[in-house]
Amino acid sequence: MRLTNTDFIPGYEIKEALGLVLGSTVRARHLGRDIMAGLKNIVGGELQEYTDLLTDARKEALNRMVKEAKKLGADAVINVRFMTTQTMGGAAELLAYGTAVKIAKK
């Protein structure tokens, strides 16, 4: 499955647009991570615990989006984007979305 944030894939032509595909996950903060992040906030630097949490969330959202695209028979997903929104205090949704398409070599 090819994924791109552009509306084309070099060397391929889009034969059919199959529609919007989505993948999302809602993640909550962890008390232990919050304590470590709070301490790191005092001295500065990267909050690795949150970086890891968001990296995992992005991967899961992408995997779910790809699964939806495969159900439609897609070869690729173009215009892939991410969006994050807070769903409640301490929890956020990470959404991956794009357009599922069938492609062919030029």
PDB file of N, CA and C in Angstrom:
ATOM      1  N   MET A   1       0.863  -1.179   0.000  1.00  0.00           N
ATOM      2  CA  MET A   1       0.000   0.000   0.000  1.00  0.00           C
ATOM      3  C   MET A   1       0.900   1.230   0.000  1.00  0.00           C
ATOM      4  N   ARG A   2       0.707   2.081  -0.963  1.00  0.00           N
ATOM      5  CA  ARG A   2       1.451   3.340  -1.029  1.00  0.00           C
ATOM      6  C   ARG A   2       0.670   4.426  -0.302  1.00  0.00           C
ATOM      7  N   LEU A   3       1.401   5.219   0.471  1.00  0.00           N
ATOM      8  CA  LEU A   3       0.811   6.347   1.190  1.00  0.00           C
ATOM      9  C   LEU A   3       1.586   7.602   0.829  1.00  0.00           C
ATOM     10  N   THR A   4       0.867   8.684   0.565  1.00  0.00           N
ATOM     11  CA  THR A   4       1.526   9.940   0.244  1.00  0.00           C
ATOM     12  C   THR A   4       0.681  11.117   0.721  1.00  0.00           C
ATOM     13  N   ASN A   5       1.365  12.212   1.027  1.00  0.00           N
ATOM     14  CA  ASN A   5       0.625  13.416   1.428  1.00  0.00           C
ATOM     15  C   ASN A   5       0.388  14.346   0.237  1.00  0.00           C
ATOM     16  N   THR A   6       0.703  13.888  -0.961  1.00  0.00           N
ATOM     17  CA  THR A   6       0.436  14.655  -2.178  1.00  0.00           C
ATOM     18  C   THR A   6      -0.801  14.083  -2.868  1.00  0.00           C
ATOM     19  N   ASP A   7      -1.265  14.762  -3.924  1.00  0.00           N
ATOM     20  CA  ASP A   7      -2.437  14.259  -4.640  1.00  0.00           C
ATOM     21  C   ASP A   7      -2.052  13.445  -5.876  1.00  0.00           C
ATOM     22  N   PHE A   8      -0.801  13.017  -5.935  1.00  0.00           N
ATOM     23  CA  PHE A   8      -0.329  12.185  -7.038  1.00  0.00           C
ATOM     24  C   PHE A   8       0.805  11.292  -6.529  1.00  0.00           C
ATOM     25  N   ILE A   9       1.122  10.268  -7.331  1.00  0.00           N
ATOM     26  CA  ILE A   9       2.250   9.385  -7.035  1.00  0.00           C
ATOM     27  C   ILE A   9       3.093   9.343  -8.298  1.00  0.00           C
ATOM     28  N   PRO A  10       4.330   9.839  -8.249  1.00  0.00           N
ATOM     29  CA  PRO A  10       5.163   9.873  -9.450  1.00  0.00           C
ATOM     30  C   PRO A  10       5.257   8.493 -10.120  1.00  0.00           C
ATOM     31  N   GLY A  11       5.065   8.485 -11.439  1.00  0.00           N
ATOM     32  CA  GLY A  11       5.148   7.247 -12.200  1.00  0.00           C
ATOM     33  C   GLY A  11       3.851   6.461 -12.259  1.00  0.00           C
ATOM     34  N   TYR A  12       2.822   6.955 -11.596  1.00  0.00           N
ATOM     35  CA  TYR A  12       1.522   6.277 -11.573  1.00  0.00           C
ATOM     36  C   TYR A  12       0.423   7.257 -11.949  1.00  0.00           C
ATOM     37  N   GLU A  13      -0.659   6.702 -12.461  1.00  0.00           N
ATOM     38  CA  GLU A  13      -1.842   7.519 -12.677  1.00  0.00           C
ATOM     39  C   GLU A  13      -2.971   6.965 -11.826  1.00  0.00           C
ATOM     40  N   ILE A  14      -3.819   7.856 -11.376  1.00  0.00           N
ATOM     41  CA  ILE A  14      -4.958   7.456 -10.555  1.00  0.00           C
ATOM     42  C   ILE A  14      -6.068   7.003 -11.490  1.00  0.00           C
ATOM     43  N   LYS A  15      -6.452   5.743 -11.354  1.00  0.00           N
ATOM     44  CA  LYS A  15      -7.489   5.165 -12.202  1.00  0.00           C
ATOM     45  C   LYS A  15      -8.880   5.370 -11.619  1.00  0.00           C
ATOM     46  N   GLU A  16      -8.957   5.370 -10.270  1.00  0.00           N
ATOM     47  CA  GLU A  16     -10.268   5.495  -9.631  1.00  0.00           C
ATOM     48  C   GLU A  16     -10.099   5.998  -8.202  1.00  0.00           C
ATOM     49  N   ALA A  17     -10.900   6.950  -7.819  1.00  0.00           N
ATOM     50  CA  ALA A  17     -10.951   7.413  -6.432  1.00  0.00           C
ATOM     51  C   ALA A  17     -12.047   6.610  -5.737  1.00  0.00           C
ATOM     52  N   LEU A  18     -11.687   5.969  -4.636  1.00  0.00           N
ATOM     53  CA  LEU A  18     -12.619   5.082  -3.934  1.00  0.00           C
ATOM     54  C   LEU A  18     -13.298   5.743  -2.739  1.00  0.00           C
ATOM     55  N   GLY A  19     -12.766   6.881  -2.330  1.00  0.00           N
ATOM     56  CA  GLY A  19     -13.399   7.605  -1.239  1.00  0.00           C
ATOM     57  C   GLY A  19     -12.484   7.865  -0.061  1.00  0.00           C
ATOM     58  N   LEU A  20     -13.033   8.587   0.884  1.00  0.00           N
ATOM     59  CA  LEU A  20     -12.316   8.966   2.100  1.00  0.00           C
ATOM     60  C   LEU A  20     -12.131   7.748   3.003  1.00  0.00           C
ATOM     61  N   VAL A  21     -10.926   7.611   3.552  1.00  0.00           N
ATOM     62  CA  VAL A  21     -10.659   6.560   4.540  1.00  0.00           C
ATOM     63  C   VAL A  21     -10.103   7.220   5.794  1.00  0.00           C
ATOM     64  N   LEU A  22     -10.504   6.668   6.925  1.00  0.00           N
ATOM     65  CA  LEU A  22     -10.136   7.228   8.225  1.00  0.00           C
ATOM     66  C   LEU A  22      -9.553   6.145   9.112  1.00  0.00           C
ATOM     67  N   GLY A  23      -8.697   6.580  10.006  1.00  0.00           N
ATOM     68  CA  GLY A  23      -8.214   5.711  11.073  1.00  0.00           C
ATOM     69  C   GLY A  23      -7.980   6.584  12.284  1.00  0.00           C
ATOM     70  N   SER A  24      -8.458   6.156  13.444  1.00  0.00           N
ATOM     71  CA  SER A  24      -8.267   6.995  14.622  1.00  0.00           C
ATOM     72  C   SER A  24      -7.999   6.146  15.854  1.00  0.00           C
ATOM     73  N   THR A  25      -7.432   6.799  16.843  1.00  0.00           N
ATOM     74  CA  THR A  25      -7.228   6.199  18.148  1.00  0.00           C
ATOM     75  C   THR A  25      -7.342   7.313  19.179  1.00  0.00           C
ATOM     76  N   VAL A  26      -7.871   6.968  20.330  1.00  0.00           N
ATOM     77  CA  VAL A  26      -7.962   7.918  21.434  1.00  0.00           C
ATOM     78  C   VAL A  26      -7.019   7.416  22.520  1.00  0.00           C
ATOM     79  N   ARG A  27      -6.114   8.271  22.919  1.00  0.00           N
ATOM     80  CA  ARG A  27      -5.118   7.898  23.926  1.00  0.00           C
ATOM     81  C   ARG A  27      -5.231   8.811  25.133  1.00  0.00           C
ATOM     82  N   ALA A  28      -4.998   8.221  26.291  1.00  0.00           N
ATOM     83  CA  ALA A  28      -5.031   8.982  27.541  1.00  0.00           C
ATOM     84  C   ALA A  28      -3.625   9.053  28.116  1.00  0.00           C
ATOM     85  N   ARG A  29      -3.377  10.116  28.828  1.00  0.00           N
ATOM     86  CA  ARG A  29      -2.092  10.265  29.499  1.00  0.00           C
ATOM     87  C   ARG A  29      -1.999   9.257  30.629  1.00  0.00           C
ATOM     88  N   HIS A  30      -0.797   8.956  31.015  1.00  0.00           N
ATOM     89  CA  HIS A  30      -0.514   8.004  32.082  1.00  0.00           C
ATOM     90  C   HIS A  30       0.081   8.769  33.257  1.00  0.00           C
ATOM     91  N   LEU A  31      -0.390   8.492  34.461  1.00  0.00           N
ATOM     92  CA  LEU A  31       0.063   9.222  35.640  1.00  0.00           C
ATOM     93  C   LEU A  31       1.585   9.203  35.770  1.00  0.00           C
ATOM     94  N   GLY A  32       2.195   8.052  35.559  1.00  0.00           N
ATOM     95  CA  GLY A  32       3.659   7.955  35.643  1.00  0.00           C
ATOM     96  C   GLY A  32       4.339   8.848  34.618  1.00  0.00           C
ATOM     97  N   ARG A  33       3.788   8.875  33.407  1.00  0.00           N
ATOM     98  CA  ARG A  33       4.342   9.745  32.364  1.00  0.00           C
ATOM     99  C   ARG A  33       4.170  11.210  32.737  1.00  0.00           C
ATOM    100  N   ASP A  34       3.016  11.545  33.328  1.00  0.00           N
ATOM    101  CA  ASP A  34       2.766  12.932  33.735  1.00  0.00           C
ATOM    102  C   ASP A  34       3.780  13.387  34.782  1.00  0.00           C
ATOM    103  N   ILE A  35       4.092  12.514  35.721  1.00  0.00           N
ATOM    104  CA  ILE A  35       5.076  12.861  36.759  1.00  0.00           C
ATOM    105  C   ILE A  35       6.437  13.100  36.130  1.00  0.00           C
ATOM    106  N   MET A  36       6.858  12.194  35.249  1.00  0.00           N
ATOM    107  CA  MET A  36       8.165  12.341  34.585  1.00  0.00           C
ATOM    108  C   MET A  36       8.184  13.597  33.706  1.00  0.00           C
ATOM    109  N   ALA A  37       7.090  13.850  32.993  1.00  0.00           N
ATOM    110  CA  ALA A  37       7.021  15.034  32.136  1.00  0.00           C
ATOM    111  C   ALA A  37       7.059  16.302  32.976  1.00  0.00           C
ATOM    112  N   GLY A  38       6.394  16.283  34.116  1.00  0.00           N
ATOM    113  CA  GLY A  38       6.413  17.441  35.010  1.00  0.00           C
ATOM    114  C   GLY A  38       7.809  17.751  35.495  1.00  0.00           C
ATOM    115  N   LEU A  39       8.560  16.707  35.842  1.00  0.00           N
ATOM    116  CA  LEU A  39       9.947  16.909  36.273  1.00  0.00           C
ATOM    117  C   LEU A  39      10.797  17.436  35.117  1.00  0.00           C
ATOM    118  N   LYS A  40      10.602  16.891  33.933  1.00  0.00           N
ATOM    119  CA  LYS A  40      11.366  17.327  32.758  1.00  0.00           C
ATOM    120  C   LYS A  40      11.023  18.774  32.410  1.00  0.00           C
ATOM    121  N   ASN A  41       9.780  19.165  32.638  1.00  0.00           N
ATOM    122  CA  ASN A  41       9.336  20.522  32.347  1.00  0.00           C
ATOM    123  C   ASN A  41      10.106  21.551  33.185  1.00  0.00           C
ATOM    124  N   ILE A  42      10.529  21.152  34.366  1.00  0.00           N
ATOM    125  CA  ILE A  42      11.284  22.053  35.241  1.00  0.00           C
ATOM    126  C   ILE A  42      12.665  22.338  34.662  1.00  0.00           C
ATOM    127  N   VAL A  43      13.331  21.308  34.146  1.00  0.00           N
ATOM    128  CA  VAL A  43      14.703  21.469  33.645  1.00  0.00           C
ATOM    129  C   VAL A  43      14.764  21.689  32.136  1.00  0.00           C
ATOM    130  N   GLY A  44      13.660  21.455  31.440  1.00  0.00           N
ATOM    131  CA  GLY A  44      13.628  21.650  29.993  1.00  0.00           C
ATOM    132  C   GLY A  44      14.030  20.397  29.238  1.00  0.00           C
ATOM    133  N   GLY A  45      13.778  20.387  27.957  1.00  0.00           N
ATOM    134  CA  GLY A  45      14.135  19.263  27.104  1.00  0.00           C
ATOM    135  C   GLY A  45      12.908  18.555  26.550  1.00  0.00           C
ATOM    136  N   GLU A  46      13.182  17.552  25.756  1.00  0.00           N
ATOM    137  CA  GLU A  46      12.112  16.783  25.120  1.00  0.00           C
ATOM    138  C   GLU A  46      11.368  15.945  26.146  1.00  0.00           C
ATOM    139  N   LEU A  47      10.060  15.896  26.002  1.00  0.00           N
ATOM    140  CA  LEU A  47       9.229  15.051  26.856  1.00  0.00           C
ATOM    141  C   LEU A  47       9.086  13.702  26.149  1.00  0.00           C
ATOM    142  N   GLN A  48      10.102  12.852  26.283  1.00  0.00           N
ATOM    143  CA  GLN A  48      10.194  11.592  25.548  1.00  0.00           C
ATOM    144  C   GLN A  48       8.975  10.696  25.767  1.00  0.00           C
ATOM    145  N   GLU A  49       8.426  10.723  26.980  1.00  0.00           N
ATOM    146  CA  GLU A  49       7.260   9.886  27.263  1.00  0.00           C
ATOM    147  C   GLU A  49       6.089  10.251  26.356  1.00  0.00           C
ATOM    148  N   TYR A  50       5.879  11.560  26.142  1.00  0.00           N
ATOM    149  CA  TYR A  50       4.795  11.995  25.271  1.00  0.00           C
ATOM    150  C   TYR A  50       5.137  11.796  23.795  1.00  0.00           C
ATOM    151  N   THR A  51       6.403  11.960  23.452  1.00  0.00           N
ATOM    152  CA  THR A  51       6.828  11.686  22.078  1.00  0.00           C
ATOM    153  C   THR A  51       6.517  10.240  21.722  1.00  0.00           C
ATOM    154  N   ASP A  52       6.853   9.328  22.629  1.00  0.00           N
ATOM    155  CA  ASP A  52       6.586   7.901  22.394  1.00  0.00           C
ATOM    156  C   ASP A  52       5.085   7.626  22.293  1.00  0.00           C
ATOM    157  N   LEU A  53       4.308   8.248  23.168  1.00  0.00           N
ATOM    158  CA  LEU A  53       2.853   8.069  23.155  1.00  0.00           C
ATOM    159  C   LEU A  53       2.264   8.512  21.820  1.00  0.00           C
ATOM    160  N   LEU A  54       2.679   9.677  21.327  1.00  0.00           N
ATOM    161  CA  LEU A  54       2.146  10.188  20.063  1.00  0.00           C
ATOM    162  C   LEU A  54       2.646   9.395  18.858  1.00  0.00           C
ATOM    163  N   THR A  55       3.886   8.912  18.922  1.00  0.00           N
ATOM    164  CA  THR A  55       4.411   8.077  17.842  1.00  0.00           C
ATOM    165  C   THR A  55       3.583   6.804  17.715  1.00  0.00           C
ATOM    166  N   ASP A  56       3.292   6.167  18.837  1.00  0.00           N
ATOM    167  CA  ASP A  56       2.466   4.960  18.823  1.00  0.00           C
ATOM    168  C   ASP A  56       1.060   5.265  18.316  1.00  0.00           C
ATOM    169  N   ALA A  57       0.501   6.385  18.724  1.00  0.00           N
ATOM    170  CA  ALA A  57      -0.849   6.763  18.294  1.00  0.00           C
ATOM    171  C   ALA A  57      -0.889   7.007  16.787  1.00  0.00           C
ATOM    172  N   ARG A  58       0.128   7.680  16.234  1.00  0.00           N
ATOM    173  CA  ARG A  58       0.175   7.911  14.781  1.00  0.00           C
ATOM    174  C   ARG A  58       0.232   6.591  14.027  1.00  0.00           C
ATOM    175  N   LYS A  59       1.086   5.673  14.494  1.00  0.00           N
ATOM    176  CA  LYS A  59       1.200   4.367  13.831  1.00  0.00           C
ATOM    177  C   LYS A  59      -0.131   3.625  13.848  1.00  0.00           C
ATOM    178  N   GLU A  60      -0.805   3.629  14.987  1.00  0.00           N
ATOM    179  CA  GLU A  60      -2.087   2.933  15.096  1.00  0.00           C
ATOM    180  C   GLU A  60      -3.143   3.567  14.197  1.00  0.00           C
ATOM    181  N   ALA A  61      -3.219   4.889  14.165  1.00  0.00           N
ATOM    182  CA  ALA A  61      -4.184   5.571  13.308  1.00  0.00           C
ATOM    183  C   ALA A  61      -3.908   5.267  11.829  1.00  0.00           C
ATOM    184  N   LEU A  62      -2.635   5.282  11.429  1.00  0.00           N
ATOM    185  CA  LEU A  62      -2.277   4.950  10.043  1.00  0.00           C
ATOM    186  C   LEU A  62      -2.654   3.517   9.709  1.00  0.00           C
ATOM    187  N   ASN A  63      -2.350   2.588  10.609  1.00  0.00           N
ATOM    188  CA  ASN A  63      -2.690   1.184  10.369  1.00  0.00           C
ATOM    189  C   ASN A  63      -4.192   1.000  10.179  1.00  0.00           C
ATOM    190  N   ARG A  64      -4.983   1.686  10.974  1.00  0.00           N
ATOM    191  CA  ARG A  64      -6.433   1.582  10.849  1.00  0.00           C
ATOM    192  C   ARG A  64      -6.932   2.204   9.552  1.00  0.00           C
ATOM    193  N   MET A  65      -6.311   3.304   9.125  1.00  0.00           N
ATOM    194  CA  MET A  65      -6.676   3.924   7.858  1.00  0.00           C
ATOM    195  C   MET A  65      -6.361   2.984   6.691  1.00  0.00           C
ATOM    196  N   VAL A  66      -5.173   2.369   6.724  1.00  0.00           N
ATOM    197  CA  VAL A  66      -4.765   1.440   5.669  1.00  0.00           C
ATOM    198  C   VAL A  66      -5.717   0.246   5.614  1.00  0.00           C
ATOM    199  N   LYS A  67      -6.117  -0.255   6.763  1.00  0.00           N
ATOM    200  CA  LYS A  67      -7.063  -1.366   6.818  1.00  0.00           C
ATOM    201  C   LYS A  67      -8.369  -1.009   6.111  1.00  0.00           C
ATOM    202  N   GLU A  68      -8.867   0.203   6.339  1.00  0.00           N
ATOM    203  CA  GLU A  68     -10.085   0.658   5.664  1.00  0.00           C
ATOM    204  C   GLU A  68      -9.873   0.764   4.154  1.00  0.00           C
ATOM    205  N   ALA A  69      -8.706   1.268   3.748  1.00  0.00           N
ATOM    206  CA  ALA A  69      -8.404   1.391   2.315  1.00  0.00           C
ATOM    207  C   ALA A  69      -8.357   0.012   1.655  1.00  0.00           C
ATOM    208  N   LYS A  70      -7.760  -0.953   2.326  1.00  0.00           N
ATOM    209  CA  LYS A  70      -7.693  -2.316   1.773  1.00  0.00           C
ATOM    210  C   LYS A  70      -9.080  -2.919   1.612  1.00  0.00           C
ATOM    211  N   LYS A  71      -9.985  -2.626   2.542  1.00  0.00           N
ATOM    212  CA  LYS A  71     -11.362  -3.123   2.430  1.00  0.00           C
ATOM    213  C   LYS A  71     -12.034  -2.619   1.162  1.00  0.00           C
ATOM    214  N   LEU A  72     -11.637  -1.416   0.724  1.00  0.00           N
ATOM    215  CA  LEU A  72     -12.204  -0.832  -0.497  1.00  0.00           C
ATOM    216  C   LEU A  72     -11.487  -1.323  -1.758  1.00  0.00           C
ATOM    217  N   GLY A  73     -10.400  -2.067  -1.594  1.00  0.00           N
ATOM    218  CA  GLY A  73      -9.629  -2.541  -2.737  1.00  0.00           C
ATOM    219  C   GLY A  73      -8.622  -1.529  -3.253  1.00  0.00           C
ATOM    220  N   ALA A  74      -8.207  -0.604  -2.417  1.00  0.00           N
ATOM    221  CA  ALA A  74      -7.276   0.454  -2.832  1.00  0.00           C
ATOM    222  C   ALA A  74      -5.852  -0.066  -2.992  1.00  0.00           C
ATOM    223  N   ASP A  75      -5.117   0.594  -3.878  1.00  0.00           N
ATOM    224  CA  ASP A  75      -3.682   0.354  -4.051  1.00  0.00           C
ATOM    225  C   ASP A  75      -2.862   1.386  -3.291  1.00  0.00           C
ATOM    226  N   ALA A  76      -3.496   2.536  -2.995  1.00  0.00           N
ATOM    227  CA  ALA A  76      -2.781   3.646  -2.381  1.00  0.00           C
ATOM    228  C   ALA A  76      -3.758   4.560  -1.654  1.00  0.00           C
ATOM    229  N   VAL A  77      -3.197   5.408  -0.800  1.00  0.00           N
ATOM    230  CA  VAL A  77      -3.973   6.473  -0.162  1.00  0.00           C
ATOM    231  C   VAL A  77      -3.202   7.768  -0.407  1.00  0.00           C
ATOM    232  N   ILE A  78      -3.874   8.724  -1.021  1.00  0.00           N
ATOM    233  CA  ILE A  78      -3.242  10.010  -1.322  1.00  0.00           C
ATOM    234  C   ILE A  78      -3.799  11.085  -0.387  1.00  0.00           C
ATOM    235  N   ASN A  79      -3.108  12.214  -0.357  1.00  0.00           N
ATOM    236  CA  ASN A  79      -3.510  13.354   0.490  1.00  0.00           C
ATOM    237  C   ASN A  79      -3.649  12.955   1.955  1.00  0.00           C
ATOM    238  N   VAL A  80      -2.731  12.130   2.447  1.00  0.00           N
ATOM    239  CA  VAL A  80      -2.793  11.675   3.838  1.00  0.00           C
ATOM    240  C   VAL A  80      -2.509  12.853   4.772  1.00  0.00           C
ATOM    241  N   ARG A  81      -3.354  12.993   5.772  1.00  0.00           N
ATOM    242  CA  ARG A  81      -3.233  14.058   6.755  1.00  0.00           C
ATOM    243  C   ARG A  81      -3.469  13.496   8.151  1.00  0.00           C
ATOM    244  N   PHE A  82      -2.995  14.237   9.147  1.00  0.00           N
ATOM    245  CA  PHE A  82      -3.229  13.910  10.553  1.00  0.00           C
ATOM    246  C   PHE A  82      -3.939  15.072  11.219  1.00  0.00           C
ATOM    247  N   MET A  83      -4.752  14.747  12.203  1.00  0.00           N
ATOM    248  CA  MET A  83      -5.421  15.765  12.993  1.00  0.00           C
ATOM    249  C   MET A  83      -5.500  15.251  14.430  1.00  0.00           C
ATOM    250  N   THR A  84      -5.347  16.151  15.369  1.00  0.00           N
ATOM    251  CA  THR A  84      -5.448  15.797  16.778  1.00  0.00           C
ATOM    252  C   THR A  84      -6.469  16.708  17.438  1.00  0.00           C
ATOM    253  N   THR A  85      -7.258  16.121  18.320  1.00  0.00           N
ATOM    254  CA  THR A  85      -8.217  16.908  19.078  1.00  0.00           C
ATOM    255  C   THR A  85      -8.344  16.337  20.484  1.00  0.00           C
ATOM    256  N   GLN A  86      -8.523  17.218  21.432  1.00  0.00           N
ATOM    257  CA  GLN A  86      -8.704  16.774  22.808  1.00  0.00           C
ATOM    258  C   GLN A  86     -10.145  16.308  22.964  1.00  0.00           C
ATOM    259  N   THR A  87     -10.334  15.097  23.489  1.00  0.00           N
ATOM    260  CA  THR A  87     -11.683  14.566  23.662  1.00  0.00           C
ATOM    261  C   THR A  87     -12.199  14.795  25.077  1.00  0.00           C
ATOM    262  N   MET A  88     -11.282  14.845  26.040  1.00  0.00           N
ATOM    263  CA  MET A  88     -11.598  15.126  27.437  1.00  0.00           C
ATOM    264  C   MET A  88     -10.291  15.454  28.129  1.00  0.00           C
ATOM    265  N   GLY A  89     -10.343  15.926  29.338  1.00  0.00           N
ATOM    266  CA  GLY A  89      -9.111  16.244  30.049  1.00  0.00           C
ATOM    267  C   GLY A  89      -8.196  15.033  30.129  1.00  0.00           C
ATOM    268  N   GLY A  90      -7.003  15.160  29.603  1.00  0.00           N
ATOM    269  CA  GLY A  90      -6.030  14.071  29.670  1.00  0.00           C
ATOM    270  C   GLY A  90      -6.143  13.039  28.565  1.00  0.00           C
ATOM    271  N   ALA A  91      -7.064  13.204  27.609  1.00  0.00           N
ATOM    272  CA  ALA A  91      -7.202  12.252  26.510  1.00  0.00           C
ATOM    273  C   ALA A  91      -7.348  13.015  25.195  1.00  0.00           C
ATOM    274  N   ALA A  92      -6.799  12.428  24.137  1.00  0.00           N
ATOM    275  CA  ALA A  92      -6.870  13.068  22.821  1.00  0.00           C
ATOM    276  C   ALA A  92      -7.048  12.016  21.740  1.00  0.00           C
ATOM    277  N   GLU A  93      -7.727  12.429  20.667  1.00  0.00           N
ATOM    278  CA  GLU A  93      -7.876  11.571  19.500  1.00  0.00           C
ATOM    279  C   GLU A  93      -6.833  11.974  18.482  1.00  0.00           C
ATOM    280  N   LEU A  94      -6.215  10.981  17.861  1.00  0.00           N
ATOM    281  CA  LEU A  94      -5.339  11.226  16.724  1.00  0.00           C
ATOM    282  C   LEU A  94      -6.010  10.576  15.527  1.00  0.00           C
ATOM    283  N   LEU A  95      -6.265  11.353  14.489  1.00  0.00           N
ATOM    284  CA  LEU A  95      -6.978  10.902  13.301  1.00  0.00           C
ATOM    285  C   LEU A  95      -6.051  10.975  12.097  1.00  0.00           C
ATOM    286  N   ALA A  96      -6.008   9.890  11.326  1.00  0.00           N
ATOM    287  CA  ALA A  96      -5.308   9.870  10.039  1.00  0.00           C
ATOM    288  C   ALA A  96      -6.394   9.732   8.972  1.00  0.00           C
ATOM    289  N   TYR A  97      -6.292  10.512   7.894  1.00  0.00           N
ATOM    290  CA  TYR A  97      -7.288  10.414   6.840  1.00  0.00           C
ATOM    291  C   TYR A  97      -6.666  10.718   5.488  1.00  0.00           C
ATOM    292  N   GLY A  98      -7.306  10.215   4.452  1.00  0.00           N
ATOM    293  CA  GLY A  98      -6.837  10.441   3.090  1.00  0.00           C
ATOM    294  C   GLY A  98      -7.850   9.895   2.108  1.00  0.00           C
ATOM    295  N   THR A  99      -7.486   9.889   0.829  1.00  0.00           N
ATOM    296  CA  THR A  99      -8.350   9.393  -0.229  1.00  0.00           C
ATOM    297  C   THR A  99      -7.799   8.070  -0.748  1.00  0.00           C
ATOM    298  N   ALA A 100      -8.604   7.035  -0.658  1.00  0.00           N
ATOM    299  CA  ALA A 100      -8.231   5.724  -1.182  1.00  0.00           C
ATOM    300  C   ALA A 100      -8.370   5.739  -2.684  1.00  0.00           C
ATOM    301  N   VAL A 101      -7.367   5.214  -3.391  1.00  0.00           N
ATOM    302  CA  VAL A 101      -7.398   5.217  -4.854  1.00  0.00           C
ATOM    303  C   VAL A 101      -6.857   3.913  -5.412  1.00  0.00           C
ATOM    304  N   LYS A 102      -7.233   3.646  -6.661  1.00  0.00           N
ATOM    305  CA  LYS A 102      -6.628   2.580  -7.455  1.00  0.00           C
ATOM    306  C   LYS A 102      -5.656   3.271  -8.403  1.00  0.00           C
ATOM    307  N   ILE A 103      -4.468   2.717  -8.530  1.00  0.00           N
ATOM    308  CA  ILE A 103      -3.448   3.315  -9.382  1.00  0.00           C
ATOM    309  C   ILE A 103      -2.930   2.311 -10.408  1.00  0.00           C
ATOM    310  N   ALA A 104      -2.284   2.838 -11.444  1.00  0.00           N
ATOM    311  CA  ALA A 104      -1.641   2.018 -12.470  1.00  0.00           C
ATOM    312  C   ALA A 104      -0.374   2.735 -12.921  1.00  0.00           C
ATOM    313  N   LYS A 105       0.653   1.958 -13.255  1.00  0.00           N
ATOM    314  CA  LYS A 105       1.887   2.551 -13.782  1.00  0.00           C
ATOM    315  C   LYS A 105       1.577   3.265 -15.089  1.00  0.00           C
ATOM    316  N   LYS A 106       2.272   4.382 -15.305  1.00  0.00           N
ATOM    317  CA  LYS A 106       2.096   5.153 -16.544  1.00  0.00           C
ATOM    318  C   LYS A 106       2.781   4.446 -17.684  1.00  0.00           C
TER     319      LYS A 106
END
